[in-house]
Protein backbone atom coordinates (compact mmCIF):
# COMPACT_ATOMS: atom_id res chain seq x y z
CA MET A 1 109.21 92.49 85.65
CA LEU A 2 107.59 95.87 86.28
CA ILE A 3 105.42 95.72 89.39
CA ILE A 4 102.46 98.08 89.38
CA ASP A 5 100.28 98.87 92.40
CA VAL A 6 96.87 99.99 91.04
CA ARG A 7 95.47 101.11 94.39
CA THR A 8 95.03 104.67 95.52
CA PRO A 9 97.90 106.92 96.60
CA GLU A 10 96.66 106.63 100.19
CA GLU A 11 96.75 102.79 100.10
CA PHE A 12 100.15 102.88 98.45
CA ALA A 13 101.50 105.19 101.19
CA GLU A 14 100.31 102.75 103.84
CA GLY A 15 102.56 100.03 102.32
CA HIS A 16 103.46 98.52 99.01
CA LEU A 17 105.65 95.85 97.43
CA LYS A 18 109.31 96.39 96.98
CA ASP A 19 110.13 98.29 93.76
CA ALA A 20 106.46 98.76 92.91
CA ILE A 21 105.29 101.87 91.17
CA LEU A 22 101.87 103.44 91.59
CA ILE A 23 99.45 103.76 88.68
CA GLU A 24 95.79 103.91 89.70
CA TYR A 25 93.87 101.30 87.72
CA GLN A 26 91.71 103.84 85.93
CA ASN A 27 94.86 105.56 84.61
CA ILE A 28 96.73 102.41 83.45
CA LEU A 29 96.32 102.91 79.73
CA GLU A 30 97.42 106.58 79.85
CA GLU A 31 100.41 105.99 82.11
CA ILE A 32 101.88 102.60 81.22
CA PHE A 33 104.19 103.68 78.40
CA LYS A 34 106.00 106.07 80.76
CA HIS A 35 107.43 102.93 82.36
CA ILE A 36 107.78 100.30 79.65
CA ASP A 37 109.15 100.11 76.11
CA SER A 38 106.99 97.41 74.60
CA LYS A 39 103.59 95.69 74.95
CA ASP A 40 105.63 92.50 75.36
CA ASP A 41 107.35 93.68 78.56
CA GLU A 42 106.54 91.69 81.70
CA ILE A 43 104.09 93.52 83.94
CA GLY A 44 102.68 92.36 87.28
CA LEU A 45 99.72 94.23 88.72
CA TYR A 46 98.21 94.06 92.21
CA CYS A 47 95.73 95.90 94.37
CA ALA A 48 94.04 95.24 97.74
CA ALA A 49 92.12 92.08 96.76
CA GLY A 50 92.84 91.41 93.10
CA VAL A 51 89.72 93.03 91.63
CA ARG A 52 91.15 96.33 90.45
CA SER A 53 94.36 94.66 89.27
CA GLY A 54 92.23 92.09 87.39
CA PHE A 55 90.39 94.90 85.65
CA ALA A 56 93.64 96.73 84.82
CA THR A 57 95.16 93.45 83.49
CA TYR A 58 92.06 92.92 81.30
CA MET A 59 92.33 96.46 79.92
CA LEU A 60 96.01 95.91 79.03
CA GLU A 61 95.25 92.58 77.39
CA GLN A 62 92.50 94.15 75.33
CA GLN A 63 95.12 96.66 74.04
CA GLY A 64 97.50 93.87 72.94
CA PHE A 65 99.78 93.55 76.01
CA THR A 66 101.08 89.98 76.01
CA ASN A 67 102.77 89.63 79.43
CA ALA A 68 100.46 91.40 81.89
CA VAL A 69 99.66 89.28 84.99
CA ASN A 70 97.27 89.90 87.84
CA LEU A 71 99.28 89.16 90.99
CA GLY A 72 96.24 89.47 93.24
CA GLY A 73 95.89 91.25 96.56
CA TYR A 74 98.56 93.05 98.53
CA HIS A 75 98.12 91.33 101.89
CA ASP A 76 97.81 87.88 100.32
CA ILE A 77 101.07 88.48 98.41
CA LEU A 78 102.84 89.53 101.62
CA TYR A 79 101.46 86.54 103.52
CA HIS A 80 103.09 84.16 101.00
CA HIS A 81 106.15 86.33 100.24
CA PRO A 82 106.99 88.61 103.17
CA GLU A 83 110.34 89.34 101.60
CA LEU A 84 108.54 91.47 99.02
CA ALA A 85 107.46 94.11 101.59
CA ASP A 86 108.92 97.55 100.97
CA ALA A 87 111.10 98.22 104.06
C-alpha cells in the first residue's frame, strides 16, 4: 500500500508515518500517477485529523480509483500504531 500524507510540507517535516510520501491534498490528482501504476493500486491517505485526507480520498474515488482509503489523522494513527512512526 502506498501511504500518502496530504498535509503541508511543514507538517510533514514535523513528523510522518514510516514510508509515507508527501502530496498536498490539493495536488493529489496531478501528482498521484508519479507514484502508482494503476487506479486499482492500494492507497492510504492521512492528514492531521482526517478531513483533508477524506477530501483527497473522495477526489480519487470520483476519478475511478478503487482502493483509496482515508486512514484518518496522524496523531490518532500513531496512538493506535506507534510502530508506524518514522524514526
